[in-house]
């Protein structure tokens, strides 16, 4: 068993702070901390699998090929990892990303 405190991870002015929380043959869990205005552009991965983006703190937008969807703490996006996806922070925002299987 492994326990990690996600809220101790810092925000960076120079870009998103990405902290690997867990990686195994079954999944990868990453904590992203975005300052307001930062994000991950719309992208996709040409593999089979699923992606979960969970907003832990702050407000932002989920990005898709159809546009932007408001997102706030408590919101969760689940999609195939091959589906174009991204995220943008309107305020300082913490996002927990789970990828299964890992890439």
Foldseek 3Di string as FASTA:
>chain_A
DDDDDLVVDDQDPVAWDKDWPDADQWKTKIKIKYAAFHKFDWDADPDWWKKKKAWQAAKWWKQFPVGTDTDGHGDMDMDTRRGTIMIHGNHTTMIMMMITPYD
